[in-house]
Amino acid sequence: MDHLRARPRKIPFFESFIDMGRIPVPTEILDTRGAFLKHPERRRPNEPQETRPLGNAPRCLTSEQKKLWGEIAHNLPPGVGKVSDRHAFEMLVRLMAKERSDLINNNERGQLIKLLGSFGMTPADRSKVSIDSTSLDELQKFLIKPTPKRPVATGSNKPIEVSGCGF
């Protein structure tokens, strides 16, 4: 019975093993979450800024994967997919194609979930991203229709004039 109470033996190499830190979250995702509103000093200085969009699918993908590229790119959170993300996005598209054809194994599924999370496309990551809805561009302002207002009766017996009716 003593062998059941004995503590497991530690391997000498792993005793000195130091846990690695977290993988840093991209600044674009932190910015959309509003992380820099409370602590602007935490913004990373001199970080390279990518302004070019993700673009079209590479020629090396199959036609099915190219359609999937467009579908996933359409569903990306705003400001996440850029040209520098193309290789990771291509891996995401290839793994999603394998998932849809039911040819994916568990290791690849784990990689797919991790890639989806890095692009902010899982429920947990999506809940961390907030989009500022106060700033509307000109097209959005044009498309928002004002709610119609009823004419207010004034208490006199005169008919209500409605401009533009021509009565």
N, C-alpha and C. Protein backbone atom coordinates (compact mmCIF):
# COMPACT_ATOMS: atom_id res chain seq x y z
N MET A 1 0.81 -1.20 0.00
CA MET A 1 0.00 0.00 0.00
C MET A 1 0.85 1.27 0.00
N ASP A 2 2.11 1.16 0.42
CA ASP A 2 2.97 2.33 0.43
C ASP A 2 3.23 2.86 -0.98
N HIS A 3 3.23 1.96 -1.95
CA HIS A 3 3.50 2.42 -3.31
C HIS A 3 2.34 3.25 -3.86
N LEU A 4 1.14 3.11 -3.30
CA LEU A 4 0.02 3.93 -3.76
C LEU A 4 0.08 5.35 -3.20
N ARG A 5 0.70 5.50 -2.03
CA ARG A 5 0.78 6.81 -1.40
C ARG A 5 2.02 7.59 -1.85
N ALA A 6 2.90 6.97 -2.51
CA ALA A 6 4.15 7.64 -2.91
C ALA A 6 3.84 8.70 -3.97
N ARG A 7 4.54 9.80 -3.90
CA ARG A 7 4.37 10.86 -4.87
C ARG A 7 5.04 10.47 -6.18
N PRO A 8 4.49 10.87 -7.27
CA PRO A 8 5.14 10.53 -8.55
C PRO A 8 6.51 11.20 -8.66
N ARG A 9 7.41 10.50 -9.30
CA ARG A 9 8.77 10.99 -9.46
C ARG A 9 8.81 12.07 -10.53
N LYS A 10 9.52 13.14 -10.25
CA LYS A 10 9.64 14.21 -11.23
C LYS A 10 10.88 13.99 -12.08
N ILE A 11 10.76 14.29 -13.33
CA ILE A 11 11.89 14.18 -14.24
C ILE A 11 12.74 15.43 -14.04
N PRO A 12 14.05 15.29 -13.82
CA PRO A 12 14.91 16.44 -13.51
C PRO A 12 14.83 17.56 -14.54
N PHE A 13 14.66 17.23 -15.83
CA PHE A 13 14.64 18.27 -16.85
C PHE A 13 13.44 19.18 -16.65
N PHE A 14 12.27 18.60 -16.31
CA PHE A 14 11.05 19.37 -16.22
C PHE A 14 10.93 20.15 -14.91
N GLU A 15 11.79 19.87 -13.93
CA GLU A 15 11.74 20.64 -12.70
C GLU A 15 12.14 22.08 -12.93
N SER A 16 13.03 22.31 -13.87
CA SER A 16 13.48 23.66 -14.14
C SER A 16 12.70 24.31 -15.28
N PHE A 17 11.67 23.64 -15.78
CA PHE A 17 10.88 24.17 -16.88
C PHE A 17 10.06 25.37 -16.43
N ILE A 18 10.11 26.44 -17.16
CA ILE A 18 9.37 27.65 -16.83
C ILE A 18 8.19 27.74 -17.79
N ASP A 19 7.01 27.99 -17.24
CA ASP A 19 5.83 28.14 -18.08
C ASP A 19 5.97 29.36 -18.97
N MET A 20 5.52 29.22 -20.20
CA MET A 20 5.56 30.32 -21.13
C MET A 20 4.37 31.24 -20.89
N GLY A 21 4.52 32.50 -21.23
CA GLY A 21 3.45 33.47 -21.06
C GLY A 21 2.39 33.33 -22.13
N ARG A 22 1.37 34.16 -22.02
CA ARG A 22 0.29 34.15 -22.99
C ARG A 22 0.77 34.67 -24.34
N ILE A 23 0.09 34.24 -25.37
CA ILE A 23 0.34 34.77 -26.71
C ILE A 23 -0.32 36.15 -26.76
N PRO A 24 0.40 37.19 -27.17
CA PRO A 24 -0.20 38.52 -27.17
C PRO A 24 -1.36 38.63 -28.15
N VAL A 25 -2.40 39.32 -27.72
CA VAL A 25 -3.57 39.55 -28.57
C VAL A 25 -3.22 40.68 -29.53
N PRO A 26 -3.60 40.56 -30.81
CA PRO A 26 -3.29 41.62 -31.77
C PRO A 26 -3.87 42.96 -31.32
N THR A 27 -3.16 44.03 -31.62
CA THR A 27 -3.56 45.37 -31.21
C THR A 27 -4.90 45.76 -31.81
N GLU A 28 -5.16 45.34 -33.03
CA GLU A 28 -6.44 45.67 -33.68
C GLU A 28 -7.61 45.11 -32.87
N ILE A 29 -7.47 43.87 -32.38
CA ILE A 29 -8.54 43.27 -31.58
C ILE A 29 -8.64 43.97 -30.23
N LEU A 30 -7.51 44.29 -29.62
CA LEU A 30 -7.54 45.03 -28.35
C LEU A 30 -8.21 46.39 -28.52
N ASP A 31 -7.94 47.03 -29.65
CA ASP A 31 -8.53 48.34 -29.90
C ASP A 31 -10.03 48.25 -30.08
N THR A 32 -10.51 47.23 -30.80
CA THR A 32 -11.96 47.07 -30.98
C THR A 32 -12.64 46.67 -29.69
N ARG A 33 -11.93 46.03 -28.79
CA ARG A 33 -12.50 45.69 -27.47
C ARG A 33 -12.58 46.91 -26.57
N GLY A 34 -11.85 47.96 -26.89
CA GLY A 34 -11.83 49.15 -26.06
C GLY A 34 -10.81 49.08 -24.95
N ALA A 35 -9.78 48.25 -25.11
CA ALA A 35 -8.78 48.06 -24.06
C ALA A 35 -7.95 49.31 -23.81
N PHE A 36 -7.80 50.17 -24.81
CA PHE A 36 -6.94 51.33 -24.66
C PHE A 36 -7.71 52.57 -24.20
N LEU A 37 -9.02 52.46 -24.03
CA LEU A 37 -9.79 53.61 -23.57
C LEU A 37 -9.47 53.93 -22.12
N LYS A 38 -9.38 52.90 -21.28
CA LYS A 38 -9.10 53.11 -19.87
C LYS A 38 -7.60 53.28 -19.62
N HIS A 39 -6.77 52.55 -20.38
CA HIS A 39 -5.32 52.60 -20.19
C HIS A 39 -4.63 52.89 -21.53
N PRO A 40 -4.64 54.14 -21.99
CA PRO A 40 -4.00 54.45 -23.28
C PRO A 40 -2.49 54.25 -23.26
N GLU A 41 -1.89 54.21 -22.09
CA GLU A 41 -0.44 54.02 -22.00
C GLU A 41 -0.03 52.60 -22.37
N ARG A 42 -0.99 51.69 -22.42
CA ARG A 42 -0.68 50.30 -22.76
C ARG A 42 -0.61 50.05 -24.27
N ARG A 43 -0.96 51.06 -25.04
CA ARG A 43 -0.87 50.91 -26.50
C ARG A 43 0.58 50.65 -26.88
N ARG A 44 0.78 49.70 -27.76
CA ARG A 44 2.14 49.29 -28.14
C ARG A 44 2.73 50.32 -29.10
N PRO A 45 3.84 50.95 -28.71
CA PRO A 45 4.43 51.96 -29.60
C PRO A 45 5.19 51.31 -30.75
N ASN A 46 5.24 52.01 -31.84
CA ASN A 46 6.04 51.62 -33.02
C ASN A 46 5.64 50.26 -33.59
N GLU A 47 4.40 49.86 -33.41
CA GLU A 47 3.95 48.60 -34.01
C GLU A 47 3.65 48.86 -35.49
N PRO A 48 4.10 47.97 -36.37
CA PRO A 48 3.83 48.19 -37.80
C PRO A 48 2.32 48.15 -38.07
N GLN A 49 1.86 49.09 -38.86
CA GLN A 49 0.44 49.19 -39.18
C GLN A 49 0.21 48.67 -40.59
N GLU A 50 -0.69 47.74 -40.73
CA GLU A 50 -1.06 47.20 -42.04
C GLU A 50 -2.39 47.81 -42.44
N THR A 51 -2.42 48.44 -43.59
CA THR A 51 -3.64 49.08 -44.06
C THR A 51 -4.25 48.38 -45.26
N ARG A 52 -3.49 47.53 -45.92
CA ARG A 52 -4.00 46.87 -47.12
C ARG A 52 -4.97 45.76 -46.73
N PRO A 53 -6.09 45.62 -47.45
CA PRO A 53 -7.07 44.59 -47.10
C PRO A 53 -6.56 43.19 -47.44
N LEU A 54 -7.31 42.19 -47.01
CA LEU A 54 -6.94 40.79 -47.18
C LEU A 54 -6.80 40.40 -48.66
N GLY A 55 -7.68 40.89 -49.49
CA GLY A 55 -7.59 40.64 -50.93
C GLY A 55 -8.30 39.36 -51.34
N ASN A 56 -8.12 39.02 -52.61
CA ASN A 56 -8.75 37.83 -53.18
C ASN A 56 -7.97 36.58 -52.82
N ALA A 57 -8.60 35.44 -53.06
CA ALA A 57 -7.99 34.14 -52.75
C ALA A 57 -6.78 33.88 -53.66
N PRO A 58 -5.77 33.18 -53.14
CA PRO A 58 -4.61 32.82 -53.98
C PRO A 58 -5.01 31.86 -55.10
N ARG A 59 -4.22 31.84 -56.16
CA ARG A 59 -4.52 30.97 -57.30
C ARG A 59 -4.33 29.50 -56.97
N CYS A 60 -3.52 29.18 -55.96
CA CYS A 60 -3.23 27.78 -55.65
C CYS A 60 -4.40 27.06 -54.99
N LEU A 61 -5.45 27.78 -54.57
CA LEU A 61 -6.60 27.14 -53.93
C LEU A 61 -7.54 26.56 -54.99
N THR A 62 -8.29 25.54 -54.60
CA THR A 62 -9.30 24.97 -55.49
C THR A 62 -10.48 25.93 -55.58
N SER A 63 -11.39 25.69 -56.51
CA SER A 63 -12.54 26.58 -56.67
C SER A 63 -13.42 26.56 -55.42
N GLU A 64 -13.56 25.39 -54.79
CA GLU A 64 -14.34 25.30 -53.56
C GLU A 64 -13.69 26.11 -52.43
N GLN A 65 -12.36 26.02 -52.34
CA GLN A 65 -11.65 26.76 -51.31
C GLN A 65 -11.70 28.27 -51.57
N LYS A 66 -11.72 28.66 -52.86
CA LYS A 66 -11.82 30.08 -53.18
C LYS A 66 -13.18 30.64 -52.76
N LYS A 67 -14.24 29.85 -52.95
CA LYS A 67 -15.57 30.29 -52.49
C LYS A 67 -15.58 30.40 -50.97
N LEU A 68 -14.94 29.45 -50.31
CA LEU A 68 -14.85 29.47 -48.86
C LEU A 68 -14.04 30.68 -48.37
N TRP A 69 -13.00 31.05 -49.11
CA TRP A 69 -12.20 32.23 -48.79
C TRP A 69 -13.11 33.46 -48.73
N GLY A 70 -13.93 33.63 -49.76
CA GLY A 70 -14.83 34.78 -49.80
C GLY A 70 -15.85 34.76 -48.68
N GLU A 71 -16.37 33.58 -48.38
CA GLU A 71 -17.37 33.45 -47.31
C GLU A 71 -16.78 33.80 -45.95
N ILE A 72 -15.60 33.25 -45.64
CA ILE A 72 -14.98 33.51 -44.34
C ILE A 72 -14.51 34.96 -44.26
N ALA A 73 -13.95 35.49 -45.34
CA ALA A 73 -13.49 36.89 -45.35
C ALA A 73 -14.66 37.84 -45.12
N HIS A 74 -15.82 37.50 -45.65
CA HIS A 74 -17.01 38.33 -45.45
C HIS A 74 -17.44 38.35 -43.99
N ASN A 75 -17.22 37.26 -43.27
CA ASN A 75 -17.64 37.14 -41.88
C ASN A 75 -16.61 37.61 -40.86
N LEU A 76 -15.44 38.07 -41.32
CA LEU A 76 -14.41 38.55 -40.40
C LEU A 76 -14.88 39.80 -39.66
N PRO A 77 -14.50 39.94 -38.38
CA PRO A 77 -14.78 41.20 -37.69
C PRO A 77 -14.05 42.35 -38.39
N PRO A 78 -14.60 43.56 -38.32
CA PRO A 78 -13.98 44.67 -39.03
C PRO A 78 -12.58 44.97 -38.53
N GLY A 79 -11.67 45.19 -39.47
CA GLY A 79 -10.30 45.57 -39.15
C GLY A 79 -9.38 44.43 -38.78
N VAL A 80 -9.79 43.16 -38.99
CA VAL A 80 -8.96 42.03 -38.56
C VAL A 80 -8.16 41.45 -39.71
N GLY A 81 -8.74 41.16 -40.85
CA GLY A 81 -8.04 40.50 -41.95
C GLY A 81 -7.27 41.49 -42.80
N LYS A 82 -5.96 41.37 -42.82
CA LYS A 82 -5.11 42.25 -43.63
C LYS A 82 -4.18 41.39 -44.48
N VAL A 83 -3.41 42.02 -45.36
CA VAL A 83 -2.50 41.30 -46.27
C VAL A 83 -1.50 40.46 -45.49
N SER A 84 -1.02 40.96 -44.38
CA SER A 84 -0.03 40.21 -43.60
C SER A 84 -0.63 38.96 -42.96
N ASP A 85 -1.95 38.82 -42.96
CA ASP A 85 -2.61 37.65 -42.38
C ASP A 85 -2.94 36.58 -43.44
N ARG A 86 -2.53 36.78 -44.66
CA ARG A 86 -2.95 35.89 -45.75
C ARG A 86 -2.54 34.44 -45.54
N HIS A 87 -1.33 34.19 -45.04
CA HIS A 87 -0.88 32.80 -44.89
C HIS A 87 -1.68 32.08 -43.81
N ALA A 88 -1.91 32.75 -42.69
CA ALA A 88 -2.73 32.15 -41.63
C ALA A 88 -4.16 31.98 -42.10
N PHE A 89 -4.66 32.94 -42.88
CA PHE A 89 -6.03 32.85 -43.39
C PHE A 89 -6.15 31.72 -44.40
N GLU A 90 -5.10 31.50 -45.19
CA GLU A 90 -5.11 30.38 -46.14
C GLU A 90 -5.17 29.05 -45.39
N MET A 91 -4.40 28.93 -44.29
CA MET A 91 -4.48 27.71 -43.48
C MET A 91 -5.88 27.53 -42.92
N LEU A 92 -6.49 28.62 -42.48
CA LEU A 92 -7.85 28.57 -41.96
C LEU A 92 -8.82 28.06 -43.02
N VAL A 93 -8.69 28.57 -44.24
CA VAL A 93 -9.58 28.16 -45.34
C VAL A 93 -9.39 26.68 -45.67
N ARG A 94 -8.14 26.23 -45.75
CA ARG A 94 -7.88 24.83 -46.07
C ARG A 94 -8.43 23.90 -44.98
N LEU A 95 -8.25 24.27 -43.71
CA LEU A 95 -8.77 23.44 -42.62
C LEU A 95 -10.30 23.45 -42.59
N MET A 96 -10.91 24.58 -42.89
CA MET A 96 -12.37 24.65 -42.92
C MET A 96 -12.92 23.83 -44.07
N ALA A 97 -12.22 23.78 -45.20
CA ALA A 97 -12.64 22.94 -46.33
C ALA A 97 -12.59 21.47 -45.93
N LYS A 98 -11.53 21.07 -45.20
CA LYS A 98 -11.44 19.69 -44.71
C LYS A 98 -12.56 19.39 -43.72
N GLU A 99 -12.88 20.36 -42.88
CA GLU A 99 -13.96 20.19 -41.90
C GLU A 99 -15.29 19.98 -42.61
N ARG A 100 -15.55 20.76 -43.63
CA ARG A 100 -16.83 20.65 -44.35
C ARG A 100 -16.93 19.37 -45.16
N SER A 101 -15.79 18.85 -45.61
CA SER A 101 -15.82 17.58 -46.35
C SER A 101 -15.71 16.39 -45.42
N ASP A 102 -15.66 16.64 -44.11
CA ASP A 102 -15.61 15.61 -43.06
C ASP A 102 -14.36 14.74 -43.16
N LEU A 103 -13.24 15.35 -43.55
CA LEU A 103 -11.97 14.63 -43.66
C LEU A 103 -10.95 15.13 -42.63
N ILE A 104 -11.39 15.84 -41.63
CA ILE A 104 -10.49 16.46 -40.66
C ILE A 104 -10.31 15.55 -39.46
N ASN A 105 -9.08 15.52 -38.92
CA ASN A 105 -8.85 14.75 -37.70
C ASN A 105 -8.89 15.69 -36.49
N ASN A 106 -8.79 15.14 -35.30
CA ASN A 106 -8.93 15.94 -34.09
C ASN A 106 -7.81 16.98 -33.93
N ASN A 107 -6.59 16.63 -34.32
CA ASN A 107 -5.49 17.58 -34.23
C ASN A 107 -5.75 18.78 -35.15
N GLU A 108 -6.17 18.52 -36.36
CA GLU A 108 -6.46 19.60 -37.30
C GLU A 108 -7.66 20.42 -36.84
N ARG A 109 -8.65 19.77 -36.22
CA ARG A 109 -9.82 20.50 -35.71
C ARG A 109 -9.38 21.47 -34.60
N GLY A 110 -8.45 21.04 -33.75
CA GLY A 110 -7.93 21.92 -32.72
C GLY A 110 -7.20 23.12 -33.33
N GLN A 111 -6.44 22.88 -34.40
CA GLN A 111 -5.77 23.98 -35.09
C GLN A 111 -6.78 24.93 -35.72
N LEU A 112 -7.86 24.35 -36.27
CA LEU A 112 -8.91 25.17 -36.88
C LEU A 112 -9.56 26.08 -35.84
N ILE A 113 -9.88 25.52 -34.67
CA ILE A 113 -10.51 26.32 -33.62
C ILE A 113 -9.56 27.42 -33.15
N LYS A 114 -8.28 27.09 -33.05
CA LYS A 114 -7.30 28.11 -32.64
C LYS A 114 -7.19 29.22 -33.68
N LEU A 115 -7.18 28.86 -34.96
CA LEU A 115 -7.11 29.89 -36.01
C LEU A 115 -8.38 30.74 -36.04
N LEU A 116 -9.54 30.09 -35.87
CA LEU A 116 -10.78 30.86 -35.81
C LEU A 116 -10.73 31.86 -34.65
N GLY A 117 -10.20 31.41 -33.52
CA GLY A 117 -10.09 32.29 -32.37
C GLY A 117 -9.12 33.43 -32.60
N SER A 118 -8.03 33.17 -33.31
CA SER A 118 -7.06 34.24 -33.56
C SER A 118 -7.62 35.30 -34.51
N PHE A 119 -8.62 34.94 -35.31
CA PHE A 119 -9.27 35.92 -36.18
C PHE A 119 -10.54 36.49 -35.54
N GLY A 120 -10.82 36.12 -34.28
CA GLY A 120 -11.98 36.64 -33.57
C GLY A 120 -13.29 36.07 -34.06
N MET A 121 -13.29 34.78 -34.46
CA MET A 121 -14.48 34.19 -35.07
C MET A 121 -15.11 33.06 -34.25
N THR A 122 -14.75 32.92 -32.99
CA THR A 122 -15.43 31.96 -32.12
C THR A 122 -16.33 32.74 -31.17
N PRO A 123 -17.35 32.10 -30.59
CA PRO A 123 -18.25 32.84 -29.70
C PRO A 123 -17.52 33.53 -28.55
N ALA A 124 -16.54 32.86 -27.96
CA ALA A 124 -15.82 33.48 -26.85
C ALA A 124 -15.02 34.69 -27.31
N ASP A 125 -14.37 34.60 -28.46
CA ASP A 125 -13.60 35.73 -28.97
C ASP A 125 -14.49 36.84 -29.49
N ARG A 126 -15.63 36.46 -30.07
CA ARG A 126 -16.55 37.47 -30.58
C ARG A 126 -17.15 38.28 -29.44
N SER A 127 -17.35 37.65 -28.28
CA SER A 127 -17.91 38.39 -27.15
C SER A 127 -16.91 39.40 -26.60
N LYS A 128 -15.63 39.24 -26.90
CA LYS A 128 -14.61 40.17 -26.42
C LYS A 128 -14.45 41.37 -27.34
N VAL A 129 -15.02 41.29 -28.55
CA VAL A 129 -14.86 42.36 -29.53
C VAL A 129 -16.11 43.24 -29.50
N SER A 130 -15.92 44.54 -29.32
CA SER A 130 -17.05 45.47 -29.37
C SER A 130 -16.78 46.48 -30.47
N ILE A 131 -17.80 46.78 -31.24
CA ILE A 131 -17.67 47.69 -32.36
C ILE A 131 -18.34 49.00 -31.98
N ASP A 132 -17.66 50.10 -32.18
CA ASP A 132 -18.19 51.41 -31.86
C ASP A 132 -19.26 51.76 -32.87
N SER A 133 -20.51 51.84 -32.43
CA SER A 133 -21.61 52.11 -33.35
C SER A 133 -21.95 53.59 -33.42
N THR A 134 -21.22 54.45 -32.70
CA THR A 134 -21.55 55.87 -32.72
C THR A 134 -21.07 56.56 -33.98
N SER A 135 -19.98 56.13 -34.55
CA SER A 135 -19.48 56.80 -35.75
C SER A 135 -20.06 56.13 -36.99
N LEU A 136 -20.88 56.89 -37.71
CA LEU A 136 -21.50 56.38 -38.93
C LEU A 136 -20.91 57.13 -40.12
N ASP A 137 -20.64 56.39 -41.17
CA ASP A 137 -20.16 57.08 -42.36
C ASP A 137 -21.36 57.64 -43.13
N GLU A 138 -21.11 58.34 -44.22
CA GLU A 138 -22.18 59.03 -44.95
C GLU A 138 -23.21 58.07 -45.52
N LEU A 139 -22.77 56.90 -46.02
CA LEU A 139 -23.70 55.94 -46.58
C LEU A 139 -24.63 55.40 -45.51
N GLN A 140 -24.09 55.08 -44.33
CA GLN A 140 -24.94 54.58 -43.26
C GLN A 140 -25.94 55.64 -42.81
N LYS A 141 -25.53 56.91 -42.75
CA LYS A 141 -26.45 57.98 -42.38
C LYS A 141 -27.56 58.11 -43.41
N PHE A 142 -27.20 57.95 -44.69
CA PHE A 142 -28.19 58.04 -45.76
C PHE A 142 -29.18 56.89 -45.69
N LEU A 143 -28.69 55.69 -45.37
CA LEU A 143 -29.55 54.52 -45.37
C LEU A 143 -30.49 54.43 -44.16
N ILE A 144 -30.15 55.12 -43.08
CA ILE A 144 -31.02 55.11 -41.91
C ILE A 144 -32.20 56.02 -42.19
N LYS A 145 -33.41 55.43 -42.20
CA LYS A 145 -34.60 56.20 -42.50
C LYS A 145 -35.16 56.79 -41.20
N PRO A 146 -35.51 58.05 -41.21
CA PRO A 146 -36.12 58.61 -40.00
C PRO A 146 -37.51 58.04 -39.79
N THR A 147 -37.92 57.94 -38.55
CA THR A 147 -39.25 57.42 -38.25
C THR A 147 -40.28 58.49 -38.61
N PRO A 148 -41.36 58.11 -39.28
CA PRO A 148 -42.36 59.11 -39.67
C PRO A 148 -43.08 59.64 -38.43
N LYS A 149 -43.42 60.94 -38.46
CA LYS A 149 -44.11 61.57 -37.35
C LYS A 149 -45.52 61.92 -37.79
N ARG A 150 -46.47 61.67 -36.89
CA ARG A 150 -47.87 62.02 -37.17
C ARG A 150 -48.07 63.52 -36.97
N PRO A 151 -48.93 64.10 -37.76
CA PRO A 151 -49.23 65.51 -37.53
C PRO A 151 -50.00 65.67 -36.23
N VAL A 152 -49.71 66.73 -35.52
CA VAL A 152 -50.35 66.99 -34.23
C VAL A 152 -51.55 67.90 -34.44
N ALA A 153 -52.72 67.50 -33.91
CA ALA A 153 -53.93 68.32 -34.00
C ALA A 153 -53.78 69.52 -33.08
N THR A 154 -54.20 70.68 -33.55
CA THR A 154 -53.99 71.90 -32.79
C THR A 154 -55.23 72.30 -32.00
N GLY A 155 -56.30 71.83 -32.01
CA GLY A 155 -57.45 72.25 -31.22
C GLY A 155 -58.41 73.12 -32.00
N SER A 156 -58.02 73.71 -33.11
CA SER A 156 -58.95 74.50 -33.93
C SER A 156 -59.63 73.57 -34.92
N ASN A 157 -60.68 74.06 -35.53
CA ASN A 157 -61.43 73.24 -36.49
C ASN A 157 -60.87 73.34 -37.90
N LYS A 158 -59.75 74.00 -38.06
CA LYS A 158 -59.15 74.12 -39.40
C LYS A 158 -58.58 72.77 -39.80
N PRO A 159 -58.66 72.46 -41.06
CA PRO A 159 -58.01 71.21 -41.52
C PRO A 159 -56.48 71.36 -41.41
N ILE A 160 -55.84 70.27 -41.13
CA ILE A 160 -54.38 70.26 -40.98
C ILE A 160 -53.76 70.36 -42.35
N GLU A 161 -52.83 71.29 -42.50
CA GLU A 161 -52.13 71.43 -43.77
C GLU A 161 -50.92 70.48 -43.76
N VAL A 162 -50.86 69.72 -44.82
CA VAL A 162 -49.72 68.84 -45.01
C VAL A 162 -49.01 69.32 -46.25
N SER A 163 -47.75 69.68 -46.10
CA SER A 163 -47.02 70.26 -47.22
C SER A 163 -46.72 69.19 -48.26
N GLY A 164 -46.85 69.57 -49.50
CA GLY A 164 -46.49 68.69 -50.58
C GLY A 164 -47.60 67.79 -51.06
N CYS A 165 -48.81 67.90 -50.50
CA CYS A 165 -49.91 67.02 -50.95
C CYS A 165 -50.65 67.60 -52.12
N GLY A 166 -50.74 68.92 -52.22
CA GLY A 166 -51.39 69.54 -53.36
C GLY A 166 -52.91 69.54 -53.26
N PHE A 167 -53.48 69.47 -52.07
CA PHE A 167 -54.94 69.51 -51.93
C PHE A 167 -55.46 70.90 -51.94
